[in-house]
Amino acid sequence: MKGTVKVDESLCKGCALCIPVCPKGLLRVANERFNARGVHPAELDDPAELCTGCEMCAIACPEAAITVFRAVKA
């Protein structure tokens, strides 16, 4: 299964609760930019496309700022 994560940066409060729950360690804080709240938002760092779409990050997010997409190979 292939997955990807979309973080709505306007909702992200930079709490980073999503980062430690990712079993693949694919989320990080975007230290190079700020969102409208003035915090560094979370972002997916997955150049090798290892995300499985497990949804742990979305479950951990208290602001519902993370949407997970999953594609099933036919």
N, C-alpha and C. Protein backbone atom coordinates (compact mmCIF):
# COMPACT_ATOMS: atom_id res chain seq x y z
N MET A 1 0.83 -1.16 0.00
CA MET A 1 0.00 0.00 0.00
C MET A 1 0.89 1.25 0.00
N LYS A 2 0.50 2.23 -0.77
CA LYS A 2 1.23 3.49 -0.86
C LYS A 2 0.37 4.57 -0.24
N GLY A 3 0.98 5.40 0.59
CA GLY A 3 0.24 6.47 1.21
C GLY A 3 0.96 7.79 1.08
N THR A 4 0.24 8.85 1.39
CA THR A 4 0.83 10.18 1.46
C THR A 4 0.03 11.00 2.47
N VAL A 5 0.64 12.05 2.94
CA VAL A 5 0.05 12.88 3.98
C VAL A 5 0.02 14.32 3.49
N LYS A 6 -1.10 14.99 3.74
CA LYS A 6 -1.24 16.41 3.43
C LYS A 6 -1.51 17.13 4.75
N VAL A 7 -0.64 18.09 5.07
CA VAL A 7 -0.82 18.88 6.29
C VAL A 7 -1.42 20.22 5.90
N ASP A 8 -2.56 20.54 6.47
CA ASP A 8 -3.16 21.86 6.26
C ASP A 8 -2.42 22.82 7.20
N GLU A 9 -1.46 23.53 6.64
CA GLU A 9 -0.59 24.38 7.45
C GLU A 9 -1.34 25.50 8.15
N SER A 10 -2.49 25.90 7.63
CA SER A 10 -3.26 26.95 8.29
C SER A 10 -3.88 26.46 9.60
N LEU A 11 -4.06 25.16 9.74
CA LEU A 11 -4.61 24.58 10.96
C LEU A 11 -3.54 24.09 11.93
N CYS A 12 -2.37 23.78 11.43
CA CYS A 12 -1.29 23.21 12.25
C CYS A 12 -0.82 24.21 13.29
N LYS A 13 -0.78 23.78 14.56
CA LYS A 13 -0.31 24.66 15.63
C LYS A 13 1.12 24.34 16.05
N GLY A 14 1.78 23.47 15.31
CA GLY A 14 3.19 23.18 15.57
C GLY A 14 3.45 22.38 16.82
N CYS A 15 2.47 21.63 17.29
CA CYS A 15 2.64 20.86 18.52
C CYS A 15 3.56 19.65 18.35
N ALA A 16 3.71 19.19 17.11
CA ALA A 16 4.59 18.07 16.76
C ALA A 16 4.16 16.73 17.35
N LEU A 17 2.90 16.60 17.77
CA LEU A 17 2.43 15.32 18.29
C LEU A 17 2.40 14.23 17.22
N CYS A 18 2.32 14.63 15.98
CA CYS A 18 2.28 13.68 14.87
C CYS A 18 3.64 13.04 14.61
N ILE A 19 4.70 13.72 14.94
CA ILE A 19 6.05 13.27 14.57
C ILE A 19 6.44 11.94 15.24
N PRO A 20 6.33 11.81 16.56
CA PRO A 20 6.78 10.55 17.17
C PRO A 20 5.87 9.34 16.90
N VAL A 21 4.64 9.57 16.46
CA VAL A 21 3.74 8.43 16.23
C VAL A 21 3.91 7.81 14.84
N CYS A 22 4.64 8.47 13.94
CA CYS A 22 4.84 7.92 12.60
C CYS A 22 5.78 6.72 12.69
N PRO A 23 5.30 5.53 12.35
CA PRO A 23 6.16 4.34 12.47
C PRO A 23 7.35 4.34 11.52
N LYS A 24 7.29 5.12 10.48
CA LYS A 24 8.39 5.20 9.52
C LYS A 24 9.28 6.42 9.75
N GLY A 25 8.90 7.30 10.67
CA GLY A 25 9.69 8.50 10.97
C GLY A 25 9.72 9.49 9.82
N LEU A 26 8.59 9.68 9.16
CA LEU A 26 8.55 10.48 7.94
C LEU A 26 8.06 11.91 8.12
N LEU A 27 7.67 12.28 9.32
CA LEU A 27 7.20 13.64 9.57
C LEU A 27 8.26 14.43 10.29
N ARG A 28 8.29 15.72 10.02
CA ARG A 28 9.25 16.60 10.67
C ARG A 28 8.65 17.99 10.79
N VAL A 29 9.32 18.84 11.53
CA VAL A 29 8.92 20.24 11.65
C VAL A 29 9.60 20.99 10.51
N ALA A 30 8.84 21.81 9.82
CA ALA A 30 9.37 22.60 8.71
C ALA A 30 10.07 23.84 9.28
N ASN A 31 11.32 23.69 9.66
CA ASN A 31 12.06 24.77 10.32
C ASN A 31 12.36 25.95 9.41
N GLU A 32 12.21 25.79 8.10
CA GLU A 32 12.55 26.86 7.17
C GLU A 32 11.40 27.82 6.89
N ARG A 33 10.22 27.56 7.43
CA ARG A 33 9.09 28.45 7.19
C ARG A 33 8.12 28.47 8.38
N PHE A 34 7.31 29.51 8.41
CA PHE A 34 6.26 29.68 9.43
C PHE A 34 4.90 29.66 8.75
N ASN A 35 3.87 29.27 9.48
CA ASN A 35 2.51 29.38 8.95
C ASN A 35 1.88 30.68 9.47
N ALA A 36 0.60 30.87 9.20
CA ALA A 36 -0.08 32.11 9.60
C ALA A 36 -0.16 32.25 11.12
N ARG A 37 -0.06 31.15 11.85
CA ARG A 37 -0.08 31.20 13.31
C ARG A 37 1.29 31.60 13.88
N GLY A 38 2.28 31.66 13.01
CA GLY A 38 3.62 32.03 13.45
C GLY A 38 4.43 30.88 14.01
N VAL A 39 4.04 29.65 13.67
CA VAL A 39 4.77 28.46 14.13
C VAL A 39 5.28 27.67 12.93
N HIS A 40 6.26 26.85 13.20
CA HIS A 40 6.77 25.95 12.17
C HIS A 40 5.79 24.76 12.06
N PRO A 41 5.16 24.56 10.91
CA PRO A 41 4.20 23.47 10.78
C PRO A 41 4.90 22.12 10.56
N ALA A 42 4.15 21.08 10.73
CA ALA A 42 4.65 19.73 10.41
C ALA A 42 4.61 19.55 8.90
N GLU A 43 5.47 18.66 8.41
CA GLU A 43 5.47 18.34 6.99
C GLU A 43 5.94 16.90 6.79
N LEU A 44 5.53 16.34 5.68
CA LEU A 44 5.96 15.00 5.30
C LEU A 44 7.31 15.10 4.62
N ASP A 45 8.25 14.25 5.03
CA ASP A 45 9.56 14.16 4.40
C ASP A 45 9.73 12.71 3.96
N ASP A 46 9.28 12.41 2.74
CA ASP A 46 9.21 11.04 2.26
C ASP A 46 9.72 10.89 0.83
N PRO A 47 10.99 11.21 0.58
CA PRO A 47 11.49 11.10 -0.80
C PRO A 47 11.51 9.67 -1.33
N ALA A 48 11.61 8.68 -0.45
CA ALA A 48 11.64 7.28 -0.89
C ALA A 48 10.24 6.67 -0.97
N GLU A 49 9.21 7.49 -0.70
CA GLU A 49 7.81 7.05 -0.74
C GLU A 49 7.55 5.83 0.14
N LEU A 50 7.93 5.96 1.41
CA LEU A 50 7.76 4.87 2.37
C LEU A 50 6.46 4.93 3.16
N CYS A 51 5.73 6.04 3.04
CA CYS A 51 4.48 6.20 3.78
C CYS A 51 3.50 5.11 3.36
N THR A 52 2.90 4.48 4.36
CA THR A 52 1.92 3.42 4.10
C THR A 52 0.48 3.90 4.25
N GLY A 53 0.31 5.13 4.72
CA GLY A 53 -1.04 5.65 4.92
C GLY A 53 -1.70 5.08 6.15
N CYS A 54 -0.93 4.81 7.19
CA CYS A 54 -1.46 4.15 8.39
C CYS A 54 -2.42 5.05 9.19
N GLU A 55 -2.36 6.34 8.99
CA GLU A 55 -3.23 7.33 9.63
C GLU A 55 -2.90 7.63 11.09
N MET A 56 -1.80 7.13 11.61
CA MET A 56 -1.44 7.41 13.01
C MET A 56 -1.22 8.91 13.22
N CYS A 57 -0.63 9.58 12.26
CA CYS A 57 -0.38 11.02 12.38
C CYS A 57 -1.69 11.79 12.44
N ALA A 58 -2.64 11.42 11.61
CA ALA A 58 -3.94 12.10 11.58
C ALA A 58 -4.71 11.87 12.88
N ILE A 59 -4.59 10.69 13.44
CA ILE A 59 -5.27 10.37 14.70
C ILE A 59 -4.66 11.19 15.84
N ALA A 60 -3.34 11.37 15.82
CA ALA A 60 -2.66 12.10 16.89
C ALA A 60 -2.85 13.61 16.81
N CYS A 61 -3.22 14.13 15.65
CA CYS A 61 -3.31 15.58 15.45
C CYS A 61 -4.55 16.16 16.14
N PRO A 62 -4.36 17.01 17.16
CA PRO A 62 -5.51 17.57 17.87
C PRO A 62 -6.27 18.62 17.07
N GLU A 63 -5.69 19.14 16.01
CA GLU A 63 -6.32 20.17 15.20
C GLU A 63 -6.96 19.62 13.92
N ALA A 64 -6.88 18.31 13.70
CA ALA A 64 -7.38 17.69 12.46
C ALA A 64 -6.78 18.36 11.23
N ALA A 65 -5.47 18.67 11.31
CA ALA A 65 -4.78 19.35 10.23
C ALA A 65 -4.17 18.39 9.22
N ILE A 66 -4.25 17.09 9.50
CA ILE A 66 -3.60 16.10 8.64
C ILE A 66 -4.64 15.23 7.95
N THR A 67 -4.49 15.11 6.65
CA THR A 67 -5.32 14.22 5.85
C THR A 67 -4.39 13.17 5.24
N VAL A 68 -4.79 11.92 5.33
CA VAL A 68 -3.99 10.82 4.80
C VAL A 68 -4.67 10.26 3.57
N PHE A 69 -3.89 10.04 2.54
CA PHE A 69 -4.38 9.44 1.29
C PHE A 69 -3.68 8.11 1.11
N ARG A 70 -4.43 7.13 0.68
CA ARG A 70 -3.89 5.79 0.51
C ARG A 70 -4.32 5.23 -0.84
N ALA A 71 -3.38 4.63 -1.56
CA ALA A 71 -3.69 4.00 -2.84
C ALA A 71 -3.41 2.51 -2.73
N VAL A 72 -4.34 1.70 -3.14
CA VAL A 72 -4.18 0.26 -3.11
C VAL A 72 -3.73 -0.19 -4.50
N LYS A 73 -2.65 -0.94 -4.55
CA LYS A 73 -2.18 -1.44 -5.84
C LYS A 73 -3.13 -2.52 -6.34
N ALA A 74 -3.48 -2.42 -7.61
CA ALA A 74 -4.41 -3.38 -8.20
C ALA A 74 -3.72 -4.66 -8.60
